[in-house]
Protein backbone atom coordinates (compact mmCIF):
# COMPACT_ATOMS: atom_id res chain seq x y z
CA MET A 1 0.00 0.00 0.00
CA THR A 2 1.24 3.48 -0.84
CA ALA A 3 1.91 5.85 2.03
CA THR A 4 -0.75 8.49 2.53
CA GLU A 5 1.60 10.85 4.34
CA ILE A 6 5.19 11.97 3.84
CA SER A 7 7.38 13.83 6.27
CA VAL A 8 10.49 15.91 6.78
CA LEU A 9 12.82 15.70 9.77
CA ALA A 10 14.96 18.84 9.73
CA ILE A 11 18.12 19.13 11.83
CA ASP A 12 20.05 22.21 12.92
CA PRO A 13 23.27 20.39 13.95
CA GLY A 14 25.75 21.45 16.59
CA GLY A 15 26.60 21.19 20.29
CA THR A 16 22.86 21.62 20.74
CA SER A 17 20.96 20.25 17.76
CA GLY A 18 17.44 21.42 17.11
CA TRP A 19 15.04 19.14 15.25
CA TYR A 20 11.65 19.74 13.68
CA TRP A 21 9.41 17.04 12.20
CA ILE A 22 6.43 17.74 9.99
CA SER A 23 4.04 15.30 8.31
CA ILE A 24 1.84 16.25 5.36
CA PRO A 25 -0.49 14.34 3.02
CA ARG A 26 1.45 12.80 0.14
CA ASP A 27 -0.87 14.44 -2.36
CA CYS A 28 0.15 17.93 -1.18
CA ILE A 29 3.38 17.31 -3.10
CA PHE A 30 2.50 14.50 -5.51
CA GLY A 31 -1.11 15.34 -6.34
CA TYR A 32 -3.88 17.91 -6.17
CA GLU A 33 -4.35 18.36 -2.42
CA ASP A 34 -3.83 21.81 -0.92
CA SER A 35 -0.95 22.17 1.50
CA ARG A 36 -1.74 21.29 5.09
CA VAL A 37 0.05 19.93 8.11
CA VAL A 38 -1.14 16.63 9.56
CA GLU A 39 1.22 16.56 12.53
CA PHE A 40 4.43 18.12 13.77
CA ASP A 41 6.83 17.93 16.70
CA TYR A 42 10.15 19.42 17.67
CA GLY A 43 12.90 19.32 20.26
CA GLU A 44 16.63 19.38 20.91
CA PHE A 45 19.48 16.96 21.37
CA THR A 46 22.49 17.89 23.48
CA GLY A 47 25.71 16.27 24.54
CA ASP A 48 28.27 14.15 22.77
CA LEU A 49 27.91 14.31 18.97
CA ALA A 50 27.98 10.53 18.53
CA TYR A 51 25.16 10.26 21.05
CA GLN A 52 23.21 12.95 19.19
CA ALA A 53 23.71 11.13 15.87
CA GLU A 54 22.39 7.91 17.42
CA GLU A 55 19.39 9.76 18.88
CA ILE A 56 18.62 11.36 15.51
CA ALA A 57 18.78 7.91 13.90
CA THR A 58 16.46 6.48 16.56
CA LEU A 59 13.99 9.30 16.07
CA ALA A 60 14.12 8.86 12.28
CA ARG A 61 13.40 5.12 12.59
CA GLU A 62 10.50 5.79 14.96
CA LEU A 63 9.03 8.36 12.59
CA GLN A 64 9.47 6.00 9.64
CA GLY A 65 7.40 3.45 11.51
CA LEU A 66 4.41 5.76 11.06
CA GLU A 67 4.42 5.08 7.30
CA TYR A 68 5.58 1.61 6.24
CA LYS A 69 8.78 1.71 4.16
CA VAL A 70 8.60 5.49 3.67
CA GLY A 71 11.05 7.27 5.90
CA PRO A 72 11.14 10.98 6.47
CA ALA A 73 13.36 13.11 4.31
CA ILE A 74 16.11 14.20 6.68
CA ILE A 75 17.22 17.76 5.94
CA CYS A 76 20.40 18.71 7.75
CA GLU A 77 21.77 22.23 7.70
CA ALA A 78 24.92 22.36 5.57
CA TRP A 79 27.92 24.10 7.04
CA ASP A 80 28.92 27.15 5.03
CA ILE A 81 32.53 28.28 5.32
CA ASP A 82 32.60 32.04 5.63
CA PRO A 83 36.10 33.35 4.79
CA ALA A 84 35.54 36.28 7.17
CA PHE A 85 34.85 33.88 10.06
CA LYS A 86 37.95 34.15 12.24
CA VAL A 87 36.90 31.95 15.17
CA THR A 88 39.25 29.12 16.16
CA ASP A 89 36.89 27.39 18.61
CA LEU A 90 36.56 23.75 17.50
CA GLU A 91 32.93 23.75 18.67
CA THR A 92 32.09 25.67 15.49
CA LEU A 93 32.92 22.53 13.50
CA SER A 94 30.42 20.35 15.38
CA PRO A 95 27.80 20.71 12.60
CA VAL A 96 30.31 19.25 10.13
CA GLU A 97 31.09 16.34 12.45
CA LEU A 98 27.44 15.57 13.12
CA GLY A 99 26.63 15.77 9.40
CA ALA A 100 29.43 13.30 8.66
CA MET A 101 28.12 10.94 11.33
CA LEU A 102 24.65 11.07 9.79
CA LYS A 103 26.15 10.22 6.39
CA LEU A 104 27.86 7.21 7.93
CA LEU A 105 24.66 6.07 9.67
CA ARG A 106 22.81 6.39 6.35
CA ARG A 107 25.47 4.29 4.62
CA GLN A 108 25.18 1.68 7.38
CA LYS A 109 21.38 1.59 6.85
CA LYS A 110 20.78 2.85 10.41
CA LEU A 111 18.48 5.64 9.25
CA ALA A 112 15.84 3.14 8.11
CA ASP A 113 14.31 4.20 4.80
CA CYS A 114 15.12 7.88 5.27
CA SER A 115 16.80 9.97 2.63
CA LEU A 116 19.48 12.42 3.79
CA HIS A 117 20.02 15.85 2.27
CA PHE A 118 21.93 18.97 3.21
CA GLN A 119 20.48 22.44 2.74
CA GLN A 120 22.29 25.76 2.94
CA ARG A 121 21.59 27.88 6.02
CA GLY A 122 21.14 31.02 3.94
CA GLN A 123 18.52 29.33 1.79
CA ALA A 124 16.36 28.47 4.81
CA PHE A 125 16.82 31.82 6.53
CA SER A 126 15.91 33.79 3.40
CA CYS A 127 12.91 31.58 2.56
CA MET A 128 11.48 31.43 6.10
CA THR A 129 12.33 34.77 7.67
CA ASP A 130 11.40 35.69 11.22
CA GLU A 131 8.48 37.67 9.82
CA ARG A 132 7.17 34.67 7.84
CA LEU A 133 7.52 32.35 10.83
CA ARG A 134 5.52 34.76 13.00
CA LYS A 135 2.90 35.43 10.32
CA ARG A 136 2.26 31.70 9.83
CA GLY A 137 2.17 30.94 13.56
CA LEU A 138 5.38 28.90 13.36
CA TRP A 139 7.50 31.02 15.71
CA ILE A 140 8.82 28.87 18.55
CA GLU A 141 9.87 30.84 21.61
CA GLY A 142 13.20 30.08 23.21
CA SER A 143 15.40 27.89 21.10
CA ASP A 144 17.17 29.35 18.06
CA HIS A 145 18.11 25.76 17.15
CA ILE A 146 14.51 24.56 16.93
CA ARG A 147 13.52 27.65 14.93
CA ALA A 148 16.40 27.00 12.51
CA ALA A 149 15.25 23.39 12.08
CA CYS A 150 11.69 24.64 11.49
CA ARG A 151 12.99 26.99 8.78
CA HIS A 152 14.78 24.08 7.10
CA ALA A 153 11.69 21.83 7.23
CA TYR A 154 9.37 24.35 5.60
CA THR A 155 12.00 25.46 3.08
CA ALA A 156 12.49 21.85 1.97
CA LEU A 157 8.73 21.36 1.60
CA ARG A 158 8.46 24.55 -0.42
CA ARG A 159 11.31 23.47 -2.68
CA ALA A 160 9.72 20.01 -3.13
CA ASN A 161 6.38 21.60 -4.01
CA GLU A 162 8.06 23.75 -6.66
CA ASN A 163 10.39 21.07 -8.08
CA LEU A 164 9.17 17.53 -8.76
CA ALA A 165 12.72 16.22 -9.32
CA PHE A 166 13.75 17.47 -5.87
CA ALA A 167 10.60 15.95 -4.33
CA LYS A 168 11.53 12.58 -5.83
CA GLU A 169 15.01 12.89 -4.29
CA LEU A 170 13.49 13.51 -0.86
CA TRP A 171 11.04 10.59 -1.13
CA PRO A 172 12.52 8.11 -3.66
CA TYR A 173 10.14 5.25 -2.92
CA ASP A 174 8.49 3.00 -5.49
CA GLY A 175 4.80 3.69 -5.86
CA LEU A 176 4.86 6.90 -3.85
CA TRP A 177 4.62 9.23 -6.81
CA THR A 178 2.59 7.17 -9.24
CA VAL A 179 0.16 10.02 -9.87
CA GLN A 180 -0.19 10.72 -13.58
CA PRO A 181 1.81 13.74 -14.83
CA GLU A 182 -1.33 15.74 -15.64
CA ALA A 183 -2.30 15.45 -11.98
CA MET A 184 0.85 17.20 -10.83
CA ARG A 185 0.20 20.72 -9.59
CA ARG A 186 2.35 23.75 -10.41
CA ARG A 187 5.07 21.83 -12.19
C-alpha cells in the first residue's frame, strides 16, 4: 500500500541540535491536495555528537514506523565556510562532524528508509524569515536551534512543491509518486 503521508525531519546540527518534524499528506506534493500539516513535533538533542547522531537515527526510525517503508526526508543544515569567520573554537565545527556521522549512519542503513540531504543555512533563513515564521504561527519561543530546524523543514517542503525532481530525491520510494503527470500541480 502506498503511504498516505510523507514527512520531513529537519536538523540544525551542533553542540545543541534542534530538530523539527512535519508530516503532510502525500498528495500535497505528488497530487492535487492543498498544503496542510497533519502533525508536527520538535525538540533538541544535546551532549556528545555521537550520542546525538544515534538519537537522531532512533527518532528517524520511529518516525518511519508511522508510514511503512517510507522514511522521512532528513534535511540537515549544511555548514557554510565564511572566509571572514575568524573563530578558532573547534565547537564551530560540530555541525560538520554531526553531518558526517549522519552520512555514515545512512550508509550503514541505520536511518531506516530515510533519505538524507543537506540544505544551505542562507537558503532556509531567506525563505522562512522571522516575519514569515511569525505570520504563519510557526514562531517557537526560546530555542534558536529549533527555529532553525523549522525553517529548514518548511523550506524543503516549499522546494519540493516547486520542483518535482527534488521531491523525488526527498522521497525516492516505489509507488509513492505514481500520480499521472497531468495530476501534478504547479510543475
